[in-house]
PDB file of N, CA and C in Angstrom:
ATOM      1  N   MET A   1       1.717  16.218  57.451  1.00  0.00           N
ATOM      2  CA  MET A   1       1.081  16.269  56.278  1.00  0.00           C
ATOM      3  C   MET A   1       1.941  16.413  55.136  1.00  0.00           C
ATOM      4  N   SER A   2       1.746  15.707  53.885  1.00  0.00           N
ATOM      5  CA  SER A   2       2.367  15.771  52.859  1.00  0.00           C
ATOM      6  C   SER A   2       1.704  16.204  51.709  1.00  0.00           C
ATOM      7  N   PHE A   3       2.422  16.843  50.678  1.00  0.00           N
ATOM      8  CA  PHE A   3       1.700  17.070  49.561  1.00  0.00           C
ATOM      9  C   PHE A   3       2.649  16.607  48.282  1.00  0.00           C
ATOM     10  N   ARG A   4       1.958  16.347  47.189  1.00  0.00           N
ATOM     11  CA  ARG A   4       2.734  15.665  45.970  1.00  0.00           C
ATOM     12  C   ARG A   4       3.283  17.019  45.169  1.00  0.00           C
ATOM     13  N   THR A   5       4.535  16.630  44.713  1.00  0.00           N
ATOM     14  CA  THR A   5       5.001  17.774  43.765  1.00  0.00           C
ATOM     15  C   THR A   5       4.370  17.729  42.428  1.00  0.00           C
ATOM     16  N   THR A   6       4.571  18.982  42.020  1.00  0.00           N
ATOM     17  CA  THR A   6       4.203  19.216  40.454  1.00  0.00           C
ATOM     18  C   THR A   6       5.522  18.723  39.681  1.00  0.00           C
ATOM     19  N   THR A   7       6.682  18.627  40.196  1.00  0.00           N
ATOM     20  CA  THR A   7       7.845  18.304  39.420  1.00  0.00           C
ATOM     21  C   THR A   7       8.506  17.111  40.009  1.00  0.00           C
ATOM     22  N   PRO A   8       7.968  15.904  39.915  1.00  0.00           N
ATOM     23  CA  PRO A   8       8.397  14.690  40.361  1.00  0.00           C
ATOM     24  C   PRO A   8       9.914  14.272  39.529  1.00  0.00           C
ATOM     25  N   THR A   9      10.755  13.729  40.148  1.00  0.00           N
ATOM     26  CA  THR A   9      11.760  13.088  39.611  1.00  0.00           C
ATOM     27  C   THR A   9      11.903  11.762  39.447  1.00  0.00           C
ATOM     28  N   PHE A  10      12.710  11.260  38.407  1.00  0.00           N
ATOM     29  CA  PHE A  10      12.532   9.746  38.194  1.00  0.00           C
ATOM     30  C   PHE A  10      14.294   9.341  37.885  1.00  0.00           C
ATOM     31  N   GLU A  11      14.429   8.039  38.098  1.00  0.00           N
ATOM     32  CA  GLU A  11      15.727   7.590  37.894  1.00  0.00           C
ATOM     33  C   GLU A  11      15.658   6.617  36.786  1.00  0.00           C
ATOM     34  N   ALA A  12      17.238   6.588  36.059  1.00  0.00           N
ATOM     35  CA  ALA A  12      17.283   5.972  34.779  1.00  0.00           C
ATOM     36  C   ALA A  12      17.000   4.568  35.316  1.00  0.00           C
ATOM     37  N   GLY A  13      16.441   3.698  34.405  1.00  0.00           N
ATOM     38  CA  GLY A  13      16.026   2.434  34.622  1.00  0.00           C
ATOM     39  C   GLY A  13      14.730   2.027  35.322  1.00  0.00           C
ATOM     40  N   GLU A  14      14.196   3.151  35.995  1.00  0.00           N
ATOM     41  CA  GLU A  14      12.856   3.093  36.586  1.00  0.00           C
ATOM     42  C   GLU A  14      11.704   2.635  35.590  1.00  0.00           C
ATOM     43  N   GLU A  15      10.890   1.620  35.903  1.00  0.00           N
ATOM     44  CA  GLU A  15       9.649   1.676  35.066  1.00  0.00           C
ATOM     45  C   GLU A  15       8.546   2.370  35.658  1.00  0.00           C
ATOM     46  N   ILE A  16       7.931   2.998  34.868  1.00  0.00           N
ATOM     47  CA  ILE A  16       6.719   3.872  35.465  1.00  0.00           C
ATOM     48  C   ILE A  16       5.372   3.891  34.317  1.00  0.00           C
ATOM     49  N   GLU A  17       4.438   4.105  35.131  1.00  0.00           N
ATOM     50  CA  GLU A  17       3.115   4.070  34.239  1.00  0.00           C
ATOM     51  C   GLU A  17       2.683   5.580  34.093  1.00  0.00           C
ATOM     52  N   VAL A  18       2.416   5.743  32.675  1.00  0.00           N
ATOM     53  CA  VAL A  18       2.128   7.284  32.339  1.00  0.00           C
ATOM     54  C   VAL A  18       0.920   7.156  31.421  1.00  0.00           C
ATOM     55  N   TYR A  19       0.367   8.430  31.327  1.00  0.00           N
ATOM     56  CA  TYR A  19      -0.363   8.671  30.035  1.00  0.00           C
ATOM     57  C   TYR A  19       0.163   9.478  29.159  1.00  0.00           C
ATOM     58  N   VAL A  20      -0.001   8.861  27.759  1.00  0.00           N
ATOM     59  CA  VAL A  20       0.757   9.663  26.839  1.00  0.00           C
ATOM     60  C   VAL A  20      -0.100  10.892  26.507  1.00  0.00           C
ATOM     61  N   THR A  21       0.066  12.192  26.656  1.00  0.00           N
ATOM     62  CA  THR A  21      -0.633  13.120  26.531  1.00  0.00           C
ATOM     63  C   THR A  21      -0.764  13.781  25.176  1.00  0.00           C
ATOM     64  N   GLU A  22       0.419  13.894  24.430  1.00  0.00           N
ATOM     65  CA  GLU A  22       0.643  14.640  23.404  1.00  0.00           C
ATOM     66  C   GLU A  22       1.611  13.967  22.490  1.00  0.00           C
ATOM     67  N   LEU A  23       1.391  14.581  21.163  1.00  0.00           N
ATOM     68  CA  LEU A  23       2.362  14.317  20.129  1.00  0.00           C
ATOM     69  C   LEU A  23       3.094  15.751  19.672  1.00  0.00           C
ATOM     70  N   ASP A  24       3.960  16.146  20.248  1.00  0.00           N
ATOM     71  CA  ASP A  24       4.786  17.457  19.970  1.00  0.00           C
ATOM     72  C   ASP A  24       4.786  17.509  18.430  1.00  0.00           C
ATOM     73  N   GLU A  25       4.138  18.634  17.607  1.00  0.00           N
ATOM     74  CA  GLU A  25       3.996  18.904  16.478  1.00  0.00           C
ATOM     75  C   GLU A  25       5.374  19.136  15.928  1.00  0.00           C
ATOM     76  N   GLU A  26       6.129  20.150  16.674  1.00  0.00           N
ATOM     77  CA  GLU A  26       7.531  20.458  16.474  1.00  0.00           C
ATOM     78  C   GLU A  26       8.526  19.313  16.465  1.00  0.00           C
ATOM     79  N   SER A  27       8.608  18.675  17.286  1.00  0.00           N
ATOM     80  CA  SER A  27       9.668  17.566  17.297  1.00  0.00           C
ATOM     81  C   SER A  27       9.112  16.292  16.826  1.00  0.00           C
ATOM     82  N   GLY A  28       7.646  16.158  16.543  1.00  0.00           N
ATOM     83  CA  GLY A  28       7.302  14.759  16.318  1.00  0.00           C
ATOM     84  C   GLY A  28       7.423  13.696  17.618  1.00  0.00           C
ATOM     85  N   GLU A  29       7.649  13.966  18.723  1.00  0.00           N
ATOM     86  CA  GLU A  29       7.767  13.151  19.699  1.00  0.00           C
ATOM     87  C   GLU A  29       6.677  13.169  20.555  1.00  0.00           C
ATOM     88  N   LEU A  30       6.542  11.876  21.187  1.00  0.00           N
ATOM     89  CA  LEU A  30       5.305  11.556  21.963  1.00  0.00           C
ATOM     90  C   LEU A  30       5.773  12.250  23.537  1.00  0.00           C
ATOM     91  N   VAL A  31       4.677  12.587  24.113  1.00  0.00           N
ATOM     92  CA  VAL A  31       4.858  13.390  25.313  1.00  0.00           C
ATOM     93  C   VAL A  31       3.905  12.785  26.370  1.00  0.00           C
ATOM     94  N   ALA A  32       4.747  12.567  27.566  1.00  0.00           N
ATOM     95  CA  ALA A  32       3.873  12.027  28.872  1.00  0.00           C
ATOM     96  C   ALA A  32       4.035  13.298  29.790  1.00  0.00           C
ATOM     97  N   LEU A  33       3.342  14.125  30.194  1.00  0.00           N
ATOM     98  CA  LEU A  33       3.160  15.123  31.310  1.00  0.00           C
ATOM     99  C   LEU A  33       2.837  14.483  32.633  1.00  0.00           C
ATOM    100  N   VAL A  34       3.644  14.933  33.559  1.00  0.00           N
ATOM    101  CA  VAL A  34       3.545  14.296  35.024  1.00  0.00           C
ATOM    102  C   VAL A  34       3.654  15.515  35.842  1.00  0.00           C
ATOM    103  N   GLY A  35       2.862  16.260  36.085  1.00  0.00           N
ATOM    104  CA  GLY A  35       2.754  17.665  36.629  1.00  0.00           C
ATOM    105  C   GLY A  35       3.362  18.678  35.775  1.00  0.00           C
ATOM    106  N   GLU A  36       4.401  19.151  36.110  1.00  0.00           N
ATOM    107  CA  GLU A  36       5.171  20.094  35.062  1.00  0.00           C
ATOM    108  C   GLU A  36       6.281  19.394  34.402  1.00  0.00           C
ATOM    109  N   THR A  37       6.530  18.084  34.719  1.00  0.00           N
ATOM    110  CA  THR A  37       7.556  17.266  34.111  1.00  0.00           C
ATOM    111  C   THR A  37       7.202  16.639  32.898  1.00  0.00           C
ATOM    112  N   ARG A  38       7.934  16.902  31.931  1.00  0.00           N
ATOM    113  CA  ARG A  38       7.954  16.466  30.581  1.00  0.00           C
ATOM    114  C   ARG A  38       8.684  15.338  30.446  1.00  0.00           C
ATOM    115  N   LEU A  39       7.994  14.224  29.669  1.00  0.00           N
ATOM    116  CA  LEU A  39       8.784  13.118  29.552  1.00  0.00           C
ATOM    117  C   LEU A  39       8.786  12.724  27.980  1.00  0.00           C
ATOM    118  N   TYR A  40       9.601  12.489  27.010  1.00  0.00           N
ATOM    119  CA  TYR A  40       9.846  12.442  25.802  1.00  0.00           C
ATOM    120  C   TYR A  40       9.816  10.962  25.483  1.00  0.00           C
ATOM    121  N   PHE A  41       9.190  10.202  24.544  1.00  0.00           N
ATOM    122  CA  PHE A  41       9.371   8.979  24.311  1.00  0.00           C
ATOM    123  C   PHE A  41      10.304   8.885  22.913  1.00  0.00           C
ATOM    124  N   GLU A  42      11.362   7.795  23.202  1.00  0.00           N
ATOM    125  CA  GLU A  42      12.063   7.432  22.291  1.00  0.00           C
ATOM    126  C   GLU A  42      11.694   6.582  21.013  1.00  0.00           C
ATOM    127  N   ASN A  43      10.641   6.032  21.351  1.00  0.00           N
ATOM    128  CA  ASN A  43       9.744   5.302  20.351  1.00  0.00           C
ATOM    129  C   ASN A  43       8.321   5.250  20.790  1.00  0.00           C
ATOM    130  N   GLY A  44       7.519   4.580  19.753  1.00  0.00           N
ATOM    131  CA  GLY A  44       6.044   4.798  20.090  1.00  0.00           C
ATOM    132  C   GLY A  44       5.364   5.327  18.803  1.00  0.00           C
ATOM    133  N   GLU A  45       4.040   4.817  18.575  1.00  0.00           N
ATOM    134  CA  GLU A  45       3.369   5.268  17.469  1.00  0.00           C
ATOM    135  C   GLU A  45       2.416   6.336  18.014  1.00  0.00           C
ATOM    136  N   ALA A  46       2.028   7.258  17.126  1.00  0.00           N
ATOM    137  CA  ALA A  46       1.089   8.346  17.435  1.00  0.00           C
ATOM    138  C   ALA A  46      -0.498   7.682  17.994  1.00  0.00           C
ATOM    139  N   ASP A  47      -0.752   6.338  17.527  1.00  0.00           N
ATOM    140  CA  ASP A  47      -1.930   6.041  18.010  1.00  0.00           C
ATOM    141  C   ASP A  47      -2.002   5.728  19.639  1.00  0.00           C
ATOM    142  N   ILE A  48      -0.997   5.852  20.427  1.00  0.00           N
ATOM    143  CA  ILE A  48      -0.795   5.712  21.678  1.00  0.00           C
ATOM    144  C   ILE A  48      -1.026   6.872  22.632  1.00  0.00           C
ATOM    145  N   VAL A  49      -1.345   8.104  21.945  1.00  0.00           N
ATOM    146  CA  VAL A  49      -1.797   9.213  22.546  1.00  0.00           C
ATOM    147  C   VAL A  49      -3.211   9.047  23.176  1.00  0.00           C
ATOM    148  N   GLY A  50      -2.979   9.337  24.580  1.00  0.00           N
ATOM    149  CA  GLY A  50      -4.431   9.139  25.160  1.00  0.00           C
ATOM    150  C   GLY A  50      -4.518   7.825  25.832  1.00  0.00           C
ATOM    151  N   CYS A  51      -3.298   6.957  25.855  1.00  0.00           N
ATOM    152  CA  CYS A  51      -3.220   5.807  26.418  1.00  0.00           C
ATOM    153  C   CYS A  51      -2.360   5.670  27.725  1.00  0.00           C
ATOM    154  N   ARG A  52      -2.747   4.845  28.406  1.00  0.00           N
ATOM    155  CA  ARG A  52      -1.722   4.656  29.931  1.00  0.00           C
ATOM    156  C   ARG A  52      -0.783   3.448  29.300  1.00  0.00           C
ATOM    157  N   VAL A  53       0.285   3.692  29.505  1.00  0.00           N
ATOM    158  CA  VAL A  53       1.561   2.821  29.174  1.00  0.00           C
ATOM    159  C   VAL A  53       2.607   2.652  30.123  1.00  0.00           C
ATOM    160  N   LEU A  54       3.167   1.450  30.068  1.00  0.00           N
ATOM    161  CA  LEU A  54       4.096   1.279  30.972  1.00  0.00           C
ATOM    162  C   LEU A  54       5.573   1.705  30.052  1.00  0.00           C
ATOM    163  N   ALA A  55       6.448   2.480  30.731  1.00  0.00           N
ATOM    164  CA  ALA A  55       7.727   2.916  30.064  1.00  0.00           C
ATOM    165  C   ALA A  55       8.647   2.941  30.937  1.00  0.00           C
ATOM    166  N   LYS A  56      10.005   2.722  30.306  1.00  0.00           N
ATOM    167  CA  LYS A  56      11.341   2.711  31.189  1.00  0.00           C
ATOM    168  C   LYS A  56      11.963   4.212  31.111  1.00  0.00           C
ATOM    169  N   VAL A  57      12.515   4.581  32.199  1.00  0.00           N
ATOM    170  CA  VAL A  57      13.148   5.770  32.155  1.00  0.00           C
ATOM    171  C   VAL A  57      14.629   5.728  31.561  1.00  0.00           C
ATOM    172  N   GLU A  58      14.917   6.426  30.469  1.00  0.00           N
ATOM    173  CA  GLU A  58      16.241   6.053  29.867  1.00  0.00           C
ATOM    174  C   GLU A  58      17.260   7.188  30.475  1.00  0.00           C
ATOM    175  N   SER A  59      16.650   8.377  30.714  1.00  0.00           N
ATOM    176  CA  SER A  59      17.404   9.556  31.381  1.00  0.00           C
ATOM    177  C   SER A  59      16.494  10.725  31.943  1.00  0.00           C
ATOM    178  N   PHE A  60      17.051  11.184  32.954  1.00  0.00           N
ATOM    179  CA  PHE A  60      16.275  12.114  33.591  1.00  0.00           C
ATOM    180  C   PHE A  60      16.927  13.457  33.951  1.00  0.00           C
ATOM    181  N   ASP A  61      16.801  14.791  33.823  1.00  0.00           N
ATOM    182  CA  ASP A  61      17.355  15.938  34.151  1.00  0.00           C
ATOM    183  C   ASP A  61      16.675  16.559  35.427  1.00  0.00           C
ATOM    184  N   ASP A  62      17.075  16.344  36.646  1.00  0.00           N
ATOM    185  CA  ASP A  62      16.531  17.085  37.616  1.00  0.00           C
ATOM    186  C   ASP A  62      16.217  18.579  37.614  1.00  0.00           C
ATOM    187  N   ALA A  63      17.273  19.290  37.111  1.00  0.00           N
ATOM    188  CA  ALA A  63      17.183  20.726  37.242  1.00  0.00           C
ATOM    189  C   ALA A  63      16.186  21.224  36.040  1.00  0.00           C
ATOM    190  N   GLU A  64      15.881  20.474  34.977  1.00  0.00           N
ATOM    191  CA  GLU A  64      15.012  20.890  33.723  1.00  0.00           C
ATOM    192  C   GLU A  64      13.768  20.206  33.846  1.00  0.00           C
ATOM    193  N   HIS A  65      13.714  19.252  34.783  1.00  0.00           N
ATOM    194  CA  HIS A  65      12.289  18.283  34.824  1.00  0.00           C
ATOM    195  C   HIS A  65      11.962  17.849  33.489  1.00  0.00           C
ATOM    196  N   ARG A  66      13.053  17.211  32.695  1.00  0.00           N
ATOM    197  CA  ARG A  66      12.677  16.515  31.484  1.00  0.00           C
ATOM    198  C   ARG A  66      13.372  15.194  31.516  1.00  0.00           C
ATOM    199  N   GLY A  67      12.726  14.313  30.843  1.00  0.00           N
ATOM    200  CA  GLY A  67      13.289  12.874  30.774  1.00  0.00           C
ATOM    201  C   GLY A  67      12.894  12.244  29.338  1.00  0.00           C
ATOM    202  N   ARG A  68      13.432  11.258  29.314  1.00  0.00           N
ATOM    203  CA  ARG A  68      13.625  10.358  27.866  1.00  0.00           C
ATOM    204  C   ARG A  68      12.960   8.744  28.337  1.00  0.00           C
ATOM    205  N   LEU A  69      11.920   8.442  27.767  1.00  0.00           N
ATOM    206  CA  LEU A  69      11.440   7.137  27.976  1.00  0.00           C
ATOM    207  C   LEU A  69      11.382   6.222  26.666  1.00  0.00           C
ATOM    208  N   THR A  70      11.480   5.045  26.988  1.00  0.00           N
ATOM    209  CA  THR A  70      11.056   4.033  26.073  1.00  0.00           C
ATOM    210  C   THR A  70       9.663   3.384  26.408  1.00  0.00           C
ATOM    211  N   HIS A  71       9.083   3.122  25.413  1.00  0.00           N
ATOM    212  CA  HIS A  71       7.500   2.582  25.540  1.00  0.00           C
ATOM    213  C   HIS A  71       7.731   1.131  25.448  1.00  0.00           C
ATOM    214  N   LEU A  72       7.315   0.517  26.798  1.00  0.00           N
ATOM    215  CA  LEU A  72       7.249  -0.946  26.819  1.00  0.00           C
ATOM    216  C   LEU A  72       6.086  -1.809  26.500  1.00  0.00           C
ATOM    217  N   LYS A  73       4.912  -1.260  27.032  1.00  0.00           N
ATOM    218  CA  LYS A  73       3.802  -1.837  26.634  1.00  0.00           C
ATOM    219  C   LYS A  73       2.547  -0.816  26.761  1.00  0.00           C
ATOM    220  N   THR A  74       1.583  -0.897  26.132  1.00  0.00           N
ATOM    221  CA  THR A  74       0.362  -0.080  26.270  1.00  0.00           C
ATOM    222  C   THR A  74      -0.632  -0.851  27.181  1.00  0.00           C
ATOM    223  N   LEU A  75      -1.107  -0.173  28.242  1.00  0.00           N
ATOM    224  CA  LEU A  75      -1.918  -0.949  29.399  1.00  0.00           C
ATOM    225  C   LEU A  75      -3.353  -0.700  29.141  1.00  0.00           C
ATOM    226  N   SER A  76      -3.757   0.481  28.811  1.00  0.00           N
ATOM    227  CA  SER A  76      -5.267   0.653  28.505  1.00  0.00           C
ATOM    228  C   SER A  76      -5.446   1.839  27.377  1.00  0.00           C
ATOM    229  N   GLN A  77      -6.118   1.765  26.552  1.00  0.00           N
ATOM    230  CA  GLN A  77      -6.546   2.666  25.730  1.00  0.00           C
ATOM    231  C   GLN A  77      -7.629   3.601  26.155  1.00  0.00           C
ATOM    232  N   GLY A  78      -7.753   4.661  25.362  1.00  0.00           N
ATOM    233  CA  GLY A  78      -8.979   5.858  25.746  1.00  0.00           C
ATOM    234  C   GLY A  78      -7.993   6.949  26.503  1.00  0.00           C
ATOM    235  N   SER A  79      -8.996   8.009  26.772  1.00  0.00           N
ATOM    236  CA  SER A  79      -8.699   9.279  27.154  1.00  0.00           C
ATOM    237  C   SER A  79      -8.331   9.234  28.730  1.00  0.00           C
ATOM    238  N   PHE A  80      -7.684  10.075  29.353  1.00  0.00           N
ATOM    239  CA  PHE A  80      -7.464  10.287  30.854  1.00  0.00           C
ATOM    240  C   PHE A  80      -8.409  11.243  31.378  1.00  0.00           C
TER     241      PHE A  80
END
């Protein structure tokens, strides 16, 4: 039996599909939450909050469960 983790890890260069879950008011950055992992977008507009997108992982810190993404393409509109 296996269970999914709440803190997945990613590799730089990997392309992943995520939901853009919020716009961080303090930093002004778009955020995708994958479990307890926070992924911050280096680009993108506020209108993609709530959308499923294809993104490229630019960097990832395994210890902090934080990463940087580049928005490549919006796959679907609407809420998750």
